[in-house]
Amino acid sequence: MTISSEITVGTSVADLREINRAAADAVVRLTRWADNFPAPGVRFADLTPVFADAEGFSAVLDALIACAPDADTIAAVDARGFLLGAGAAARMGAGVVAVRKVGKLPPPVLSRSYSLEYGSSTLEIPANGFDLTGRNVLVIDDVLATGGTLEAAVQLVELAGANVVAVAVVLEIEELRGRNRFVKYPLTSLVKV
């Protein structure tokens, strides 16, 4: 069922429930789990089978779009978030900003460092070349664990002058409590484990 062209600010609650149910079913059915990857003690959610399934990927995009149908820009977090963000932006007629891992963009850049459950890193966006001032941004990533990556992405978008209207992920690992970092923003996870 593809209904993304019908998702608007006025989409009914029943339609939104159906959109979310279809996405959640696809994610639960198709996600591949890998224990002790990329480090001992980490359980990795491989969403590539979800993305490879046309109906599953379409359902996920529909559900992400429904989180903020009035957004005019998507901020997509490196790397699997790029797939989700680009797909959602194309369907919405919105722009997309790639929030990159450190060292992937030429200077000047805006950057934010963060900690995650198995290390630390830095995210960057270009400091010039486009203007996010006043744009309404939906920040999209694949998985919410401790929340460090997503929080850094939100901070970068705000630093660039944009309004974060919503944050959305495909999968949330509840025991890591990453959601606690986002009390200021509407946060949607399609599936919680």
Protein backbone atom coordinates (compact mmCIF):
# COMPACT_ATOMS: atom_id res chain seq x y z
CA MET A 1 0.00 0.00 0.00
CA THR A 2 1.59 3.30 -1.06
CA ILE A 3 -0.18 6.33 0.31
CA SER A 4 2.68 8.78 0.73
CA SER A 5 1.22 11.16 -1.82
CA GLU A 6 -1.84 11.42 0.44
CA ILE A 7 0.02 12.19 3.68
CA THR A 8 -0.74 15.74 4.71
CA VAL A 9 -1.07 17.70 7.91
CA GLY A 10 -4.75 16.65 7.98
CA THR A 11 -4.23 12.90 7.52
CA SER A 12 -6.68 11.05 9.80
CA VAL A 13 -5.61 9.22 12.94
CA ALA A 14 -6.89 5.94 11.48
CA ASP A 15 -4.80 6.42 8.34
CA LEU A 16 -1.73 7.25 10.44
CA ARG A 17 -2.24 4.09 12.51
CA GLU A 18 -2.42 2.01 9.33
CA ILE A 19 0.71 3.66 7.94
CA ASN A 20 2.61 2.95 11.18
CA ARG A 21 1.31 -0.63 11.41
CA ALA A 22 2.47 -1.45 7.87
CA ALA A 23 5.92 -0.03 8.58
CA ALA A 24 6.27 -1.78 11.94
CA ASP A 25 5.22 -5.11 10.44
CA ALA A 26 7.89 -4.79 7.74
CA VAL A 27 10.60 -3.82 10.22
CA VAL A 28 9.80 -6.66 12.63
CA ARG A 29 9.58 -9.20 9.81
CA LEU A 30 12.69 -8.17 7.87
CA THR A 31 15.29 -6.84 10.34
CA ARG A 32 18.36 -9.06 10.67
CA TRP A 33 20.04 -9.08 14.10
CA ALA A 34 23.79 -9.56 14.65
CA ASP A 35 25.11 -10.13 18.16
CA ASN A 36 28.51 -8.75 19.22
CA PHE A 37 28.76 -6.42 16.23
CA PRO A 38 30.45 -3.96 15.74
CA ALA A 39 31.83 -4.59 19.24
CA PRO A 40 31.40 -7.24 21.96
CA GLY A 41 28.13 -6.81 23.83
CA VAL A 42 26.44 -4.78 21.08
CA ARG A 43 23.42 -6.22 19.27
CA PHE A 44 23.29 -4.68 15.78
CA ALA A 45 20.00 -4.18 13.95
CA ASP A 46 20.67 -4.67 10.24
CA LEU A 47 17.87 -2.87 8.40
CA THR A 48 19.25 -3.51 4.91
CA PRO A 49 16.74 -6.36 4.32
CA VAL A 50 13.95 -3.85 5.09
CA PHE A 51 15.38 -1.39 2.57
CA ALA A 52 15.81 -4.14 -0.04
CA ASP A 53 12.13 -5.08 0.16
CA ALA A 54 10.16 -2.63 -2.03
CA GLU A 55 6.94 -2.85 0.00
CA GLY A 56 8.76 -2.72 3.33
CA PHE A 57 10.89 0.26 2.32
CA SER A 58 7.85 2.07 0.95
CA ALA A 59 5.92 1.47 4.18
CA VAL A 60 8.83 2.79 6.27
CA LEU A 61 9.09 5.93 4.11
CA ASP A 62 5.35 6.54 4.44
CA ALA A 63 5.57 6.29 8.23
CA LEU A 64 8.57 8.62 8.44
CA ILE A 65 6.85 11.22 6.24
CA ALA A 66 3.77 11.04 8.46
CA CYS A 67 5.90 12.26 11.41
CA ALA A 68 6.20 15.75 9.91
CA PRO A 69 4.36 16.18 6.61
CA ASP A 70 4.89 19.95 6.83
CA ALA A 71 8.72 19.70 6.97
CA ASP A 72 10.46 21.40 4.07
CA THR A 73 13.86 19.77 4.67
CA ILE A 74 15.06 16.38 5.84
CA ALA A 75 18.30 16.01 7.80
CA ALA A 76 19.54 12.47 7.18
CA VAL A 77 22.18 10.94 9.46
CA ASP A 78 25.17 9.03 8.05
CA ALA A 79 24.93 6.36 6.73
CA ARG A 80 21.71 4.35 6.65
CA GLY A 81 19.78 7.51 7.45
CA PHE A 82 20.87 8.76 4.00
CA LEU A 83 18.74 6.09 2.34
CA LEU A 84 15.73 6.93 4.49
CA GLY A 85 16.16 10.70 4.29
CA ALA A 86 16.67 10.82 0.55
CA GLY A 87 13.65 8.61 -0.08
CA ALA A 88 11.43 10.61 2.26
CA ALA A 89 12.62 13.96 0.86
CA ALA A 90 12.02 12.88 -2.74
CA ARG A 91 8.48 11.75 -1.92
CA MET A 92 7.73 14.96 0.00
CA GLY A 93 9.25 17.34 -2.51
CA ALA A 94 11.61 18.47 0.26
CA GLY A 95 15.33 19.15 0.34
CA VAL A 96 17.74 16.81 2.09
CA VAL A 97 20.86 17.58 4.12
CA ALA A 98 23.40 14.81 4.66
CA VAL A 99 24.69 14.85 8.23
CA ARG A 100 28.12 13.28 7.67
CA LYS A 101 30.68 11.48 9.80
CA VAL A 102 33.83 13.47 10.52
CA GLY A 103 36.30 13.98 7.68
CA LYS A 104 33.89 13.37 4.80
CA LEU A 105 33.25 17.04 3.92
CA PRO A 106 35.64 19.79 2.82
CA PRO A 107 35.93 22.76 5.19
CA PRO A 108 34.35 24.86 6.45
CA VAL A 109 32.02 22.64 8.45
CA LEU A 110 29.87 22.81 11.54
CA SER A 111 30.61 19.87 13.82
CA ARG A 112 29.35 18.17 16.98
CA SER A 113 31.07 15.35 18.86
CA TYR A 114 29.10 12.69 20.72
CA SER A 115 29.38 9.45 22.66
CA LEU A 116 27.64 6.23 21.80
CA GLU A 117 27.41 2.80 23.39
CA TYR A 118 30.73 1.61 21.88
CA GLY A 119 32.86 4.74 21.42
CA SER A 120 32.69 8.35 20.31
CA SER A 121 32.65 10.24 17.04
CA THR A 122 31.80 13.55 15.38
CA LEU A 123 29.13 14.60 12.88
CA GLU A 124 29.43 17.47 10.40
CA ILE A 125 27.40 19.51 7.94
CA PRO A 126 28.68 22.15 5.53
CA ALA A 127 29.03 25.60 7.11
CA ASN A 128 28.21 27.28 3.80
CA GLY A 129 26.77 26.44 0.40
CA PHE A 130 23.15 26.34 1.54
CA ASP A 131 21.00 28.14 4.07
CA LEU A 132 18.92 26.28 6.66
CA THR A 133 17.81 29.44 8.46
CA GLY A 134 14.12 29.20 9.31
CA ARG A 135 13.60 25.86 7.56
CA ASN A 136 11.36 23.25 9.20
CA VAL A 137 13.46 20.10 9.47
CA LEU A 138 12.60 16.47 10.12
CA VAL A 139 15.71 14.68 11.41
CA ILE A 140 15.81 11.01 10.35
CA ASP A 141 18.07 8.13 11.40
CA ASP A 142 17.76 4.38 11.35
CA VAL A 143 18.26 3.35 14.99
CA LEU A 144 17.99 5.17 18.32
CA ALA A 145 20.23 3.58 20.93
CA THR A 146 21.88 5.87 23.49
CA GLY A 147 20.83 8.91 21.46
CA GLY A 148 24.25 10.54 21.08
CA THR A 149 24.36 10.43 17.29
CA LEU A 150 20.85 11.73 16.85
CA GLU A 151 21.31 14.42 19.49
CA ALA A 152 24.46 15.68 17.71
CA ALA A 153 22.53 15.78 14.42
CA VAL A 154 19.71 17.81 16.00
CA GLN A 155 22.24 20.23 17.50
CA LEU A 156 23.92 20.72 14.11
CA VAL A 157 20.61 21.47 12.40
CA GLU A 158 19.72 24.02 15.07
CA LEU A 159 23.21 25.52 14.94
CA ALA A 160 22.62 26.09 11.23
CA GLY A 161 19.49 28.11 12.09
CA ALA A 162 16.76 25.57 11.30
CA ASN A 163 13.70 24.59 13.34
CA VAL A 164 13.64 20.90 14.25
CA VAL A 165 9.95 20.02 13.91
CA ALA A 166 10.32 16.29 14.57
CA VAL A 167 12.81 13.47 14.98
CA ALA A 168 12.12 9.99 13.58
CA VAL A 169 13.85 6.62 13.65
CA VAL A 170 12.94 3.21 12.35
CA LEU A 171 14.00 1.25 15.43
CA GLU A 172 14.44 2.26 19.08
CA ILE A 173 16.35 0.16 21.60
CA GLU A 174 14.41 1.13 24.72
CA GLU A 175 16.76 -0.22 27.40
CA LEU A 176 19.45 2.28 26.32
CA ARG A 177 17.09 5.20 27.09
CA GLY A 178 18.13 7.40 24.18
CA ARG A 179 14.62 8.85 24.09
CA ASN A 180 15.37 10.77 27.28
CA ARG A 181 17.57 13.18 25.27
CA PHE A 182 14.62 14.30 23.13
CA VAL A 183 11.98 15.61 25.53
CA LYS A 184 12.02 18.92 23.64
CA TYR A 185 11.09 17.37 20.26
CA PRO A 186 8.39 15.07 18.95
CA LEU A 187 10.19 11.72 18.58
CA THR A 188 8.72 8.83 16.62
CA SER A 189 10.16 5.32 16.50
CA LEU A 190 8.40 2.90 14.20
CA VAL A 191 9.42 -0.13 16.30
CA LYS A 192 10.63 -0.34 19.91
CA VAL A 193 12.66 -3.32 21.10
